[in-house]
Protein backbone atom coordinates (compact mmCIF):
# COMPACT_ATOMS: atom_id res chain seq x y z
CA UNK A 1 -114.32 147.69 10.01
CA UNK A 2 -113.62 145.37 12.94
CA UNK A 3 -115.88 145.58 15.94
CA UNK A 4 -114.94 143.98 19.25
CA UNK A 5 -118.07 142.61 21.10
CA UNK A 6 -118.32 142.15 24.80
CA UNK A 7 -118.47 138.48 24.27
CA UNK A 8 -115.23 138.54 22.25
CA UNK A 9 -113.38 140.66 24.72
CA UNK A 10 -113.64 138.02 27.36
CA UNK A 11 -116.24 136.18 29.54
CA UNK A 12 -118.84 138.20 31.27
CA UNK A 13 -118.00 138.77 34.84
CA UNK A 14 -121.21 140.55 35.90
CA UNK A 15 -124.21 142.39 34.61
CA UNK A 16 -126.52 145.21 35.96
CA UNK A 17 -129.76 146.81 34.92
CA UNK A 18 -131.44 150.11 35.58
CA UNK A 19 -135.33 149.68 34.74
CA UNK A 20 -135.73 153.44 35.03
CA UNK A 21 -133.32 154.35 32.31
CA UNK A 22 -133.36 150.93 30.67
CA UNK A 23 -129.54 150.76 30.78
CA UNK A 24 -127.78 147.42 30.71
CA UNK A 25 -124.26 147.28 31.99
CA UNK A 26 -122.00 144.37 31.10
CA UNK A 27 -118.58 143.93 32.82
CA UNK A 28 -116.21 141.56 31.17
CA UNK A 29 -113.34 139.57 32.91
CA UNK A 30 -111.02 141.98 31.09
CA UNK A 31 -112.59 144.57 33.35
CA UNK A 32 -113.87 146.58 30.25
CA UNK A 33 -117.56 147.58 30.83
CA UNK A 34 -120.15 148.11 28.10
CA UNK A 35 -123.44 150.13 28.60
CA UNK A 36 -126.32 149.53 26.32
CA UNK A 37 -129.13 151.98 26.11
CA UNK A 38 -132.82 151.27 25.73
CA UNK A 39 -132.70 147.64 26.68
CA UNK A 40 -136.26 146.39 27.67
CA UNK A 41 -136.40 144.38 31.03
CA UNK A 42 -137.52 141.29 29.15
CA UNK A 43 -134.16 141.29 27.41
CA UNK A 44 -132.19 141.62 30.67
CA UNK A 45 -134.32 138.76 32.09
CA UNK A 46 -133.45 136.72 29.11
CA UNK A 47 -129.70 137.45 29.54
CA UNK A 48 -130.03 136.28 33.24
CA UNK A 49 -131.61 133.05 32.23
CA UNK A 50 -129.38 132.35 29.26
CA UNK A 51 -127.02 129.35 29.44
CA UNK A 52 -124.24 131.41 27.79
CA UNK A 53 -124.45 135.07 28.65
CA UNK A 54 -121.72 135.78 26.09
CA UNK A 55 -123.80 134.13 23.29
CA UNK A 56 -126.86 136.05 24.34
CA UNK A 57 -125.10 139.34 24.22
CA UNK A 58 -123.76 138.54 20.75
CA UNK A 59 -127.12 137.36 19.37
CA UNK A 60 -129.63 139.56 21.14
CA UNK A 61 -127.91 142.74 22.33
CA UNK A 62 -124.98 143.52 20.07
CA UNK A 63 -126.02 145.77 17.18
CA UNK A 64 -129.68 146.16 18.39
CA UNK A 65 -129.01 148.68 21.19
CA UNK A 66 -126.60 151.77 21.44
CA UNK A 67 -123.43 150.88 23.18
CA UNK A 68 -120.73 152.83 25.08
CA UNK A 69 -117.44 151.22 26.00
CA UNK A 70 -115.72 152.00 29.41
CA UNK A 71 -112.00 150.98 29.36
CA UNK A 72 -110.86 148.68 32.11
CA UNK A 73 -109.64 150.28 35.51
CA UNK A 74 -107.46 148.52 37.99
CA UNK A 75 -109.08 147.80 41.26
CA UNK A 76 -108.15 150.56 43.73
CA UNK A 77 -107.13 152.95 40.99
CA UNK A 78 -107.93 156.59 41.76
CA UNK A 79 -110.48 158.10 39.58
């Protein structure tokens, strides 16, 4: 079974974090977005400080936290 990770689908364009729900959002250059649940703030801080965000996601987040993928949307597309 092949599993595409956020790091393999392209460079990370931006990240966001909600400390209340411990949800991490990773948006890739491909415009795909990944939401990881239950991520401690320390992990998010580590992501921000990492020399390679893509490598950090692969090594410290992928497979450790539940993930939902949101397919890309074009800028300006009606929702």
